[in-house]
């Protein structure tokens, strides 16, 4: 099921955005609480650091 930002199905012929203007997110800080850190490799940690991630948490719900 594909939804737009209004949670309504796209009408036929509606243009789908295919590229992202990074100026729209410049300076934003993102938080992804679902990254499964226990299954990541050292390279994954390095790539995240290179991308600017400075902190992580691992929930202990199990």
PDB file of N, CA and C in Angstrom:
ATOM      1  N   UNK A   1       0.845  -1.170   0.000  1.00  0.00           N
ATOM      2  CA  UNK A   1       0.000   0.000   0.000  1.00  0.00           C
ATOM      3  C   UNK A   1       0.889   1.232   0.000  1.00  0.00           C
ATOM      4  N   UNK A   2       0.780   2.080  -0.968  1.00  0.00           N
ATOM      5  CA  UNK A   2       1.569   3.300  -1.055  1.00  0.00           C
ATOM      6  C   UNK A   2       0.695   4.486  -0.690  1.00  0.00           C
ATOM      7  N   UNK A   3       1.221   5.335   0.136  1.00  0.00           N
ATOM      8  CA  UNK A   3       0.465   6.513   0.552  1.00  0.00           C
ATOM      9  C   UNK A   3       1.303   7.759   0.350  1.00  0.00           C
ATOM     10  N   UNK A   4       0.642   8.882   0.122  1.00  0.00           N
ATOM     11  CA  UNK A   4       1.355  10.150   0.098  1.00  0.00           C
ATOM     12  C   UNK A   4       1.353  10.735   1.499  1.00  0.00           C
ATOM     13  N   UNK A   5       1.848  11.950   1.628  1.00  0.00           N
ATOM     14  CA  UNK A   5       1.937  12.552   2.954  1.00  0.00           C
ATOM     15  C   UNK A   5       0.581  12.803   3.592  1.00  0.00           C
ATOM     16  N   UNK A   6      -0.492  12.737   2.821  1.00  0.00           N
ATOM     17  CA  UNK A   6      -1.840  12.904   3.357  1.00  0.00           C
ATOM     18  C   UNK A   6      -2.509  11.565   3.638  1.00  0.00           C
ATOM     19  N   UNK A   7      -1.771  10.496   3.500  1.00  0.00           N
ATOM     20  CA  UNK A   7      -2.276   9.149   3.717  1.00  0.00           C
ATOM     21  C   UNK A   7      -3.474   8.823   2.829  1.00  0.00           C
ATOM     22  N   UNK A   8      -3.446   9.319   1.621  1.00  0.00           N
ATOM     23  CA  UNK A   8      -4.462   8.995   0.632  1.00  0.00           C
ATOM     24  C   UNK A   8      -3.751   8.398  -0.562  1.00  0.00           C
ATOM     25  N   UNK A   9      -4.399   7.472  -1.220  1.00  0.00           N
ATOM     26  CA  UNK A   9      -3.777   6.858  -2.387  1.00  0.00           C
ATOM     27  C   UNK A   9      -3.528   7.911  -3.455  1.00  0.00           C
ATOM     28  N   UNK A  10      -2.394   7.752  -4.151  1.00  0.00           N
ATOM     29  CA  UNK A  10      -2.062   8.687  -5.226  1.00  0.00           C
ATOM     30  C   UNK A  10      -3.046   8.506  -6.382  1.00  0.00           C
ATOM     31  N   UNK A  11      -3.462   9.612  -6.940  1.00  0.00           N
ATOM     32  CA  UNK A  11      -4.340   9.516  -8.101  1.00  0.00           C
ATOM     33  C   UNK A  11      -3.494   9.231  -9.331  1.00  0.00           C
ATOM     34  N   UNK A  12      -4.090   8.590 -10.305  1.00  0.00           N
ATOM     35  CA  UNK A  12      -3.370   8.282 -11.532  1.00  0.00           C
ATOM     36  C   UNK A  12      -2.895   9.573 -12.177  1.00  0.00           C
ATOM     37  N   UNK A  13      -1.664   9.552 -12.664  1.00  0.00           N
ATOM     38  CA  UNK A  13      -1.106  10.715 -13.325  1.00  0.00           C
ATOM     39  C   UNK A  13      -0.443  11.701 -12.387  1.00  0.00           C
ATOM     40  N   UNK A  14      -0.590  11.494 -11.077  1.00  0.00           N
ATOM     41  CA  UNK A  14       0.058  12.396 -10.130  1.00  0.00           C
ATOM     42  C   UNK A  14       1.562  12.161 -10.171  1.00  0.00           C
ATOM     43  N   UNK A  15       2.323  13.222 -10.281  1.00  0.00           N
ATOM     44  CA  UNK A  15       3.773  13.105 -10.383  1.00  0.00           C
ATOM     45  C   UNK A  15       4.356  12.694  -9.031  1.00  0.00           C
ATOM     46  N   UNK A  16       5.221  11.703  -9.058  1.00  0.00           N
ATOM     47  CA  UNK A  16       5.896  11.234  -7.861  1.00  0.00           C
ATOM     48  C   UNK A  16       7.277  11.870  -7.828  1.00  0.00           C
ATOM     49  N   UNK A  17       7.640  12.468  -6.700  1.00  0.00           N
ATOM     50  CA  UNK A  17       8.945  13.103  -6.569  1.00  0.00           C
ATOM     51  C   UNK A  17      10.025  12.029  -6.619  1.00  0.00           C
ATOM     52  N   UNK A  18      11.007  12.195  -7.501  1.00  0.00           N
ATOM     53  CA  UNK A  18      12.045  11.187  -7.659  1.00  0.00           C
ATOM     54  C   UNK A  18      13.383  11.634  -7.104  1.00  0.00           C
ATOM     55  N   UNK A  19      13.529  12.909  -6.765  1.00  0.00           N
ATOM     56  CA  UNK A  19      14.788  13.377  -6.203  1.00  0.00           C
ATOM     57  C   UNK A  19      14.505  14.197  -4.952  1.00  0.00           C
ATOM     58  N   UNK A  20      15.527  14.348  -4.147  1.00  0.00           N
ATOM     59  CA  UNK A  20      15.386  15.057  -2.887  1.00  0.00           C
ATOM     60  C   UNK A  20      16.225  16.319  -2.934  1.00  0.00           C
ATOM     61  N   UNK A  21      15.641  17.434  -2.613  1.00  0.00           N
ATOM     62  CA  UNK A  21      16.384  18.683  -2.502  1.00  0.00           C
ATOM     63  C   UNK A  21      16.957  18.735  -1.093  1.00  0.00           C
ATOM     64  N   UNK A  22      18.264  18.536  -0.975  1.00  0.00           N
ATOM     65  CA  UNK A  22      18.896  18.472   0.338  1.00  0.00           C
ATOM     66  C   UNK A  22      18.825  19.790   1.095  1.00  0.00           C
ATOM     67  N   UNK A  23      18.529  20.885   0.418  1.00  0.00           N
ATOM     68  CA  UNK A  23      18.347  22.150   1.126  1.00  0.00           C
ATOM     69  C   UNK A  23      17.135  22.088   2.053  1.00  0.00           C
ATOM     70  N   UNK A  24      16.176  21.221   1.733  1.00  0.00           N
ATOM     71  CA  UNK A  24      14.993  21.066   2.579  1.00  0.00           C
ATOM     72  C   UNK A  24      15.334  20.475   3.942  1.00  0.00           C
ATOM     73  N   UNK A  25      16.415  19.711   4.034  1.00  0.00           N
ATOM     74  CA  UNK A  25      16.773  19.047   5.286  1.00  0.00           C
ATOM     75  C   UNK A  25      18.096  19.547   5.852  1.00  0.00           C
ATOM     76  N   UNK A  26      18.686  20.548   5.236  1.00  0.00           N
ATOM     77  CA  UNK A  26      19.956  21.083   5.700  1.00  0.00           C
ATOM     78  C   UNK A  26      19.829  21.582   7.137  1.00  0.00           C
ATOM     79  N   UNK A  27      20.694  21.096   7.998  1.00  0.00           N
ATOM     80  CA  UNK A  27      20.679  21.510   9.393  1.00  0.00           C
ATOM     81  C   UNK A  27      19.756  20.705  10.283  1.00  0.00           C
ATOM     82  N   UNK A  28      18.936  19.832   9.691  1.00  0.00           N
ATOM     83  CA  UNK A  28      18.035  19.016  10.507  1.00  0.00           C
ATOM     84  C   UNK A  28      18.804  17.916  11.213  1.00  0.00           C
ATOM     85  N   UNK A  29      18.322  17.532  12.362  1.00  0.00           N
ATOM     86  CA  UNK A  29      18.904  16.415  13.096  1.00  0.00           C
ATOM     87  C   UNK A  29      17.888  15.282  13.062  1.00  0.00           C
ATOM     88  N   UNK A  30      18.358  14.086  12.723  1.00  0.00           N
ATOM     89  CA  UNK A  30      17.478  12.935  12.581  1.00  0.00           C
ATOM     90  C   UNK A  30      17.704  11.966  13.725  1.00  0.00           C
ATOM     91  N   UNK A  31      16.670  11.261  14.095  1.00  0.00           N
ATOM     92  CA  UNK A  31      16.763  10.246  15.137  1.00  0.00           C
ATOM     93  C   UNK A  31      16.091   8.996  14.609  1.00  0.00           C
ATOM     94  N   UNK A  32      16.844   7.910  14.535  1.00  0.00           N
ATOM     95  CA  UNK A  32      16.292   6.633  14.087  1.00  0.00           C
ATOM     96  C   UNK A  32      16.364   5.663  15.255  1.00  0.00           C
ATOM     97  N   UNK A  33      15.267   5.429  15.946  1.00  0.00           N
ATOM     98  CA  UNK A  33      15.307   4.574  17.126  1.00  0.00           C
ATOM     99  C   UNK A  33      15.295   3.082  16.809  1.00  0.00           C
ATOM    100  N   UNK A  34      15.409   2.710  15.557  1.00  0.00           N
ATOM    101  CA  UNK A  34      15.231   1.304  15.198  1.00  0.00           C
ATOM    102  C   UNK A  34      16.352   0.853  14.266  1.00  0.00           C
ATOM    103  N   UNK A  35      17.601   0.874  14.748  1.00  0.00           N
ATOM    104  CA  UNK A  35      18.729   0.554  13.881  1.00  0.00           C
ATOM    105  C   UNK A  35      19.363  -0.805  14.181  1.00  0.00           C
ATOM    106  N   UNK A  36      18.851  -1.550  15.159  1.00  0.00           N
ATOM    107  CA  UNK A  36      19.347  -2.901  15.462  1.00  0.00           C
ATOM    108  C   UNK A  36      20.866  -2.926  15.603  1.00  0.00           C
ATOM    109  N   UNK A  37      21.389  -2.207  16.571  1.00  0.00           N
ATOM    110  CA  UNK A  37      22.830  -2.047  16.715  1.00  0.00           C
ATOM    111  C   UNK A  37      23.548  -3.364  16.993  1.00  0.00           C
ATOM    112  N   UNK A  38      22.899  -4.320  17.621  1.00  0.00           N
ATOM    113  CA  UNK A  38      23.582  -5.580  17.929  1.00  0.00           C
ATOM    114  C   UNK A  38      23.901  -6.380  16.683  1.00  0.00           C
ATOM    115  N   UNK A  39      23.260  -6.073  15.571  1.00  0.00           N
ATOM    116  CA  UNK A  39      23.546  -6.806  14.336  1.00  0.00           C
ATOM    117  C   UNK A  39      24.388  -5.986  13.359  1.00  0.00           C
ATOM    118  N   UNK A  40      24.965  -4.878  13.811  1.00  0.00           N
ATOM    119  CA  UNK A  40      25.800  -4.023  12.958  1.00  0.00           C
ATOM    120  C   UNK A  40      27.263  -4.439  13.040  1.00  0.00           C
ATOM    121  N   UNK A  41      28.021  -4.116  11.989  1.00  0.00           N
ATOM    122  CA  UNK A  41      29.457  -4.392  11.968  1.00  0.00           C
ATOM    123  C   UNK A  41      30.215  -3.109  12.289  1.00  0.00           C
ATOM    124  N   UNK A  42      31.521  -3.255  12.515  1.00  0.00           N
ATOM    125  CA  UNK A  42      32.353  -2.079  12.765  1.00  0.00           C
ATOM    126  C   UNK A  42      32.269  -1.102  11.600  1.00  0.00           C
ATOM    127  N   UNK A  43      32.219  -1.616  10.384  1.00  0.00           N
ATOM    128  CA  UNK A  43      32.092  -0.742   9.210  1.00  0.00           C
ATOM    129  C   UNK A  43      30.798   0.066   9.256  1.00  0.00           C
ATOM    130  N   UNK A  44      29.719  -0.556   9.748  1.00  0.00           N
ATOM    131  CA  UNK A  44      28.451   0.165   9.873  1.00  0.00           C
ATOM    132  C   UNK A  44      28.587   1.323  10.859  1.00  0.00           C
ATOM    133  N   UNK A  45      29.242   1.055  11.999  1.00  0.00           N
ATOM    134  CA  UNK A  45      29.450   2.117  12.983  1.00  0.00           C
ATOM    135  C   UNK A  45      30.276   3.250  12.376  1.00  0.00           C
ATOM    136  N   UNK A  46      31.321   2.911  11.625  1.00  0.00           N
ATOM    137  CA  UNK A  46      32.172   3.929  11.008  1.00  0.00           C
ATOM    138  C   UNK A  46      31.388   4.735   9.979  1.00  0.00           C
ATOM    139  N   UNK A  47      30.567   4.054   9.177  1.00  0.00           N
ATOM    140  CA  UNK A  47      29.759   4.752   8.174  1.00  0.00           C
ATOM    141  C   UNK A  47      28.772   5.707   8.842  1.00  0.00           C
ATOM    142  N   UNK A  48      28.190   5.288   9.962  1.00  0.00           N
ATOM    143  CA  UNK A  48      27.262   6.166  10.669  1.00  0.00           C
ATOM    144  C   UNK A  48      27.997   7.374  11.242  1.00  0.00           C
ATOM    145  N   UNK A  49      29.201   7.159  11.778  1.00  0.00           N
ATOM    146  CA  UNK A  49      29.998   8.280  12.288  1.00  0.00           C
ATOM    147  C   UNK A  49      30.361   9.228  11.153  1.00  0.00           C
ATOM    148  N   UNK A  50      30.741   8.677  10.008  1.00  0.00           N
ATOM    149  CA  UNK A  50      31.072   9.503   8.845  1.00  0.00           C
ATOM    150  C   UNK A  50      29.868  10.318   8.377  1.00  0.00           C
ATOM    151  N   UNK A  51      28.666   9.784   8.605  1.00  0.00           N
ATOM    152  CA  UNK A  51      27.441  10.482   8.210  1.00  0.00           C
ATOM    153  C   UNK A  51      27.026  11.534   9.231  1.00  0.00           C
ATOM    154  N   UNK A  52      27.762  11.600  10.358  1.00  0.00           N
ATOM    155  CA  UNK A  52      27.471  12.631  11.349  1.00  0.00           C
ATOM    156  C   UNK A  52      26.733  12.150  12.576  1.00  0.00           C
ATOM    157  N   UNK A  53      26.489  10.859  12.688  1.00  0.00           N
ATOM    158  CA  UNK A  53      25.812  10.329  13.869  1.00  0.00           C
ATOM    159  C   UNK A  53      26.783  10.376  15.038  1.00  0.00           C
ATOM    160  N   UNK A  54      26.351  10.957  16.141  1.00  0.00           N
ATOM    161  CA  UNK A  54      27.243  11.116  17.288  1.00  0.00           C
ATOM    162  C   UNK A  54      26.776  10.361  18.524  1.00  0.00           C
ATOM    163  N   UNK A  55      25.583   9.792  18.499  1.00  0.00           N
ATOM    164  CA  UNK A  55      25.089   9.078  19.675  1.00  0.00           C
ATOM    165  C   UNK A  55      24.130   7.977  19.256  1.00  0.00           C
ATOM    166  N   UNK A  56      24.134   6.892  20.015  1.00  0.00           N
ATOM    167  CA  UNK A  56      23.241   5.760  19.772  1.00  0.00           C
ATOM    168  C   UNK A  56      22.739   5.226  21.102  1.00  0.00           C
ATOM    169  N   UNK A  57      21.571   4.639  21.068  1.00  0.00           N
ATOM    170  CA  UNK A  57      21.084   3.902  22.227  1.00  0.00           C
ATOM    171  C   UNK A  57      20.580   2.558  21.736  1.00  0.00           C
ATOM    172  N   UNK A  58      20.634   1.584  22.583  1.00  0.00           N
ATOM    173  CA  UNK A  58      20.088   0.273  22.247  1.00  0.00           C
ATOM    174  C   UNK A  58      19.057  -0.073  23.316  1.00  0.00           C
ATOM    175  N   UNK A  59      17.780  -0.114  22.958  1.00  0.00           N
ATOM    176  CA  UNK A  59      16.755  -0.421  23.961  1.00  0.00           C
ATOM    177  C   UNK A  59      16.909  -1.835  24.493  1.00  0.00           C
ATOM    178  N   UNK A  60      16.646  -1.984  25.756  1.00  0.00           N
ATOM    179  CA  UNK A  60      16.778  -3.289  26.402  1.00  0.00           C
ATOM    180  C   UNK A  60      15.391  -3.812  26.763  1.00  0.00           C
ATOM    181  N   UNK A  61      14.617  -4.144  25.754  1.00  0.00           N
ATOM    182  CA  UNK A  61      13.254  -4.604  26.010  1.00  0.00           C
ATOM    183  C   UNK A  61      13.107  -6.106  25.908  1.00  0.00           C
ATOM    184  N   UNK A  62      14.181  -6.835  25.645  1.00  0.00           N
ATOM    185  CA  UNK A  62      14.081  -8.276  25.556  1.00  0.00           C
ATOM    186  C   UNK A  62      14.780  -8.945  26.688  1.00  0.00           C
TER     187      UNK A  62
END
